[in-house]
Amino acid sequence: MDEQSFDRFDDTTFSVTISLAEYRALVAGQALANHEISQLYAQVDELTARNAGLIEQVQMLQDKVVEDDAPDD
């Protein structure tokens, strides 16, 4: 098979013929996309941890405000 690209679609077998170069480009693109997805998941994890820390700080400040506003006995 040569490096020529074929855009032929067979309705009976539902197959598409592509060149080896096109296949390699698809695989490389998928690998790049998988890497980018992994980076996005890492960012989500980092932001989730940061958010949890901020929520904890807000709760501590709210508790302190409640304590400070409590009437003295």
N, C-alpha and C. Protein backbone atom coordinates (compact mmCIF):
# COMPACT_ATOMS: atom_id res chain seq x y z
N MET A 1 0.85 -1.18 0.00
CA MET A 1 0.00 0.00 0.00
C MET A 1 0.89 1.24 0.00
N ASP A 2 0.59 2.15 -0.87
CA ASP A 2 1.40 3.37 -0.93
C ASP A 2 0.89 4.40 0.08
N GLU A 3 1.56 5.56 0.12
CA GLU A 3 1.23 6.60 1.07
C GLU A 3 0.05 7.47 0.63
N GLN A 4 -0.60 7.09 -0.46
CA GLN A 4 -1.73 7.88 -0.94
C GLN A 4 -2.91 7.73 0.03
N SER A 5 -3.61 8.82 0.24
CA SER A 5 -4.77 8.81 1.12
C SER A 5 -6.02 8.42 0.34
N PHE A 6 -6.84 7.59 0.94
CA PHE A 6 -8.09 7.18 0.31
C PHE A 6 -9.25 7.65 1.16
N ASP A 7 -10.20 8.30 0.53
CA ASP A 7 -11.40 8.73 1.22
C ASP A 7 -12.58 7.86 0.80
N ARG A 8 -12.33 6.60 0.61
CA ARG A 8 -13.34 5.67 0.12
C ARG A 8 -14.05 5.05 1.33
N PHE A 9 -15.35 5.00 1.28
CA PHE A 9 -16.14 4.43 2.37
C PHE A 9 -16.99 3.30 1.80
N ASP A 10 -16.89 2.15 2.40
CA ASP A 10 -17.63 0.97 1.94
C ASP A 10 -18.87 0.81 2.82
N ASP A 11 -20.05 1.02 2.25
CA ASP A 11 -21.30 0.95 3.02
C ASP A 11 -21.61 -0.45 3.54
N THR A 12 -21.04 -1.46 2.96
CA THR A 12 -21.32 -2.82 3.39
C THR A 12 -20.55 -3.18 4.65
N THR A 13 -19.28 -2.83 4.70
CA THR A 13 -18.45 -3.22 5.84
C THR A 13 -18.21 -2.08 6.82
N PHE A 14 -18.65 -0.88 6.47
CA PHE A 14 -18.44 0.29 7.31
C PHE A 14 -16.97 0.48 7.66
N SER A 15 -16.14 0.40 6.66
CA SER A 15 -14.71 0.57 6.89
C SER A 15 -14.20 1.80 6.15
N VAL A 16 -13.15 2.36 6.70
CA VAL A 16 -12.50 3.52 6.09
C VAL A 16 -11.04 3.15 5.90
N THR A 17 -10.50 3.46 4.76
CA THR A 17 -9.10 3.17 4.48
C THR A 17 -8.31 4.46 4.59
N ILE A 18 -7.27 4.43 5.43
CA ILE A 18 -6.39 5.60 5.57
C ILE A 18 -4.95 5.15 5.39
N SER A 19 -4.09 6.09 5.12
CA SER A 19 -2.68 5.75 4.94
C SER A 19 -2.01 5.55 6.29
N LEU A 20 -0.85 4.94 6.26
CA LEU A 20 -0.08 4.74 7.48
C LEU A 20 0.29 6.09 8.10
N ALA A 21 0.63 7.06 7.28
CA ALA A 21 0.97 8.39 7.80
C ALA A 21 -0.23 9.02 8.50
N GLU A 22 -1.42 8.86 7.93
CA GLU A 22 -2.62 9.39 8.57
C GLU A 22 -2.90 8.68 9.89
N TYR A 23 -2.69 7.36 9.90
CA TYR A 23 -2.87 6.59 11.13
C TYR A 23 -1.91 7.06 12.21
N ARG A 24 -0.66 7.24 11.84
CA ARG A 24 0.34 7.71 12.80
C ARG A 24 -0.03 9.09 13.34
N ALA A 25 -0.55 9.96 12.46
CA ALA A 25 -0.97 11.29 12.90
C ALA A 25 -2.14 11.19 13.88
N LEU A 26 -3.07 10.28 13.61
CA LEU A 26 -4.19 10.08 14.53
C LEU A 26 -3.72 9.58 15.89
N VAL A 27 -2.81 8.61 15.88
CA VAL A 27 -2.28 8.06 17.13
C VAL A 27 -1.52 9.14 17.91
N ALA A 28 -0.71 9.92 17.20
CA ALA A 28 0.03 11.00 17.87
C ALA A 28 -0.93 12.03 18.44
N GLY A 29 -1.98 12.35 17.69
CA GLY A 29 -2.97 13.30 18.18
C GLY A 29 -3.70 12.78 19.40
N GLN A 30 -3.99 11.49 19.40
CA GLN A 30 -4.66 10.89 20.56
C GLN A 30 -3.74 10.90 21.77
N ALA A 31 -2.47 10.61 21.58
CA ALA A 31 -1.51 10.63 22.68
C ALA A 31 -1.41 12.04 23.26
N LEU A 32 -1.37 13.03 22.39
CA LEU A 32 -1.30 14.42 22.85
C LEU A 32 -2.57 14.78 23.61
N ALA A 33 -3.72 14.38 23.10
CA ALA A 33 -4.99 14.67 23.77
C ALA A 33 -5.03 13.99 25.14
N ASN A 34 -4.57 12.74 25.22
CA ASN A 34 -4.54 12.03 26.50
C ASN A 34 -3.64 12.74 27.50
N HIS A 35 -2.51 13.25 27.04
CA HIS A 35 -1.60 13.99 27.91
C HIS A 35 -2.27 15.26 28.42
N GLU A 36 -2.93 15.98 27.52
CA GLU A 36 -3.61 17.21 27.91
C GLU A 36 -4.74 16.92 28.90
N ILE A 37 -5.45 15.82 28.69
CA ILE A 37 -6.52 15.44 29.61
C ILE A 37 -5.93 15.12 30.98
N SER A 38 -4.80 14.43 31.02
CA SER A 38 -4.14 14.12 32.29
C SER A 38 -3.74 15.40 33.01
N GLN A 39 -3.23 16.38 32.27
CA GLN A 39 -2.86 17.65 32.87
C GLN A 39 -4.09 18.37 33.43
N LEU A 40 -5.20 18.30 32.72
CA LEU A 40 -6.42 18.94 33.21
C LEU A 40 -6.92 18.26 34.48
N TYR A 41 -6.84 16.94 34.55
CA TYR A 41 -7.23 16.24 35.77
C TYR A 41 -6.33 16.65 36.93
N ALA A 42 -5.05 16.81 36.68
CA ALA A 42 -4.13 17.25 37.73
C ALA A 42 -4.50 18.65 38.21
N GLN A 43 -4.86 19.53 37.28
CA GLN A 43 -5.28 20.88 37.66
C GLN A 43 -6.56 20.83 38.48
N VAL A 44 -7.49 19.97 38.09
CA VAL A 44 -8.74 19.83 38.85
C VAL A 44 -8.43 19.36 40.27
N ASP A 45 -7.55 18.38 40.41
CA ASP A 45 -7.17 17.88 41.73
C ASP A 45 -6.54 18.98 42.57
N GLU A 46 -5.65 19.77 41.96
CA GLU A 46 -5.00 20.86 42.67
C GLU A 46 -6.01 21.91 43.11
N LEU A 47 -6.90 22.28 42.22
CA LEU A 47 -7.91 23.29 42.55
C LEU A 47 -8.90 22.77 43.58
N THR A 48 -9.21 21.49 43.53
CA THR A 48 -10.11 20.89 44.53
C THR A 48 -9.47 20.95 45.91
N ALA A 49 -8.19 20.63 45.98
CA ALA A 49 -7.48 20.69 47.26
C ALA A 49 -7.42 22.13 47.77
N ARG A 50 -7.14 23.07 46.88
CA ARG A 50 -7.09 24.48 47.27
C ARG A 50 -8.46 24.94 47.76
N ASN A 51 -9.50 24.53 47.06
CA ASN A 51 -10.86 24.90 47.44
C ASN A 51 -11.20 24.34 48.82
N ALA A 52 -10.80 23.09 49.08
CA ALA A 52 -11.06 22.48 50.38
C ALA A 52 -10.35 23.27 51.48
N GLY A 53 -9.13 23.71 51.21
CA GLY A 53 -8.39 24.52 52.18
C GLY A 53 -9.07 25.85 52.44
N LEU A 54 -9.58 26.48 51.39
CA LEU A 54 -10.28 27.76 51.55
C LEU A 54 -11.58 27.58 52.33
N ILE A 55 -12.29 26.51 52.07
CA ILE A 55 -13.52 26.24 52.81
C ILE A 55 -13.21 26.06 54.29
N GLU A 56 -12.15 25.34 54.58
CA GLU A 56 -11.74 25.13 55.97
C GLU A 56 -11.40 26.46 56.64
N GLN A 57 -10.69 27.34 55.93
CA GLN A 57 -10.35 28.65 56.48
C GLN A 57 -11.60 29.48 56.75
N VAL A 58 -12.55 29.46 55.83
CA VAL A 58 -13.80 30.21 56.01
C VAL A 58 -14.56 29.67 57.22
N GLN A 59 -14.61 28.37 57.37
CA GLN A 59 -15.32 27.79 58.51
C GLN A 59 -14.65 28.18 59.82
N MET A 60 -13.31 28.19 59.84
CA MET A 60 -12.60 28.60 61.05
C MET A 60 -12.90 30.06 61.37
N LEU A 61 -12.91 30.93 60.36
CA LEU A 61 -13.22 32.34 60.58
C LEU A 61 -14.65 32.53 61.06
N GLN A 62 -15.58 31.78 60.50
CA GLN A 62 -16.97 31.86 60.95
C GLN A 62 -17.10 31.43 62.40
N ASP A 63 -16.40 30.36 62.77
CA ASP A 63 -16.42 29.90 64.16
C ASP A 63 -15.85 30.96 65.08
N LYS A 64 -14.78 31.62 64.65
CA LYS A 64 -14.16 32.67 65.46
C LYS A 64 -15.10 33.85 65.62
N VAL A 65 -15.80 34.23 64.57
CA VAL A 65 -16.76 35.34 64.65
C VAL A 65 -17.89 34.98 65.61
N VAL A 66 -18.37 33.76 65.55
CA VAL A 66 -19.44 33.33 66.45
C VAL A 66 -18.94 33.37 67.89
N GLU A 67 -17.72 32.91 68.13
CA GLU A 67 -17.16 32.93 69.48
C GLU A 67 -16.99 34.37 69.96
N ASP A 68 -16.51 35.24 69.09
CA ASP A 68 -16.28 36.64 69.47
C ASP A 68 -17.60 37.37 69.73
N ASP A 69 -18.67 36.96 69.06
CA ASP A 69 -19.97 37.61 69.24
C ASP A 69 -20.77 37.00 70.39
N ALA A 70 -20.28 35.91 70.96
CA ALA A 70 -21.00 35.27 72.05
C ALA A 70 -21.00 36.19 73.26
N PRO A 71 -22.13 36.27 73.97
CA PRO A 71 -22.19 37.15 75.15
C PRO A 71 -21.29 36.62 76.26
N ASP A 72 -20.67 37.54 76.96
CA ASP A 72 -19.81 37.15 78.10
C ASP A 72 -20.71 36.85 79.28
N ASP A 73 -20.40 35.78 80.00
CA ASP A 73 -21.19 35.41 81.18
C ASP A 73 -20.67 36.05 82.41
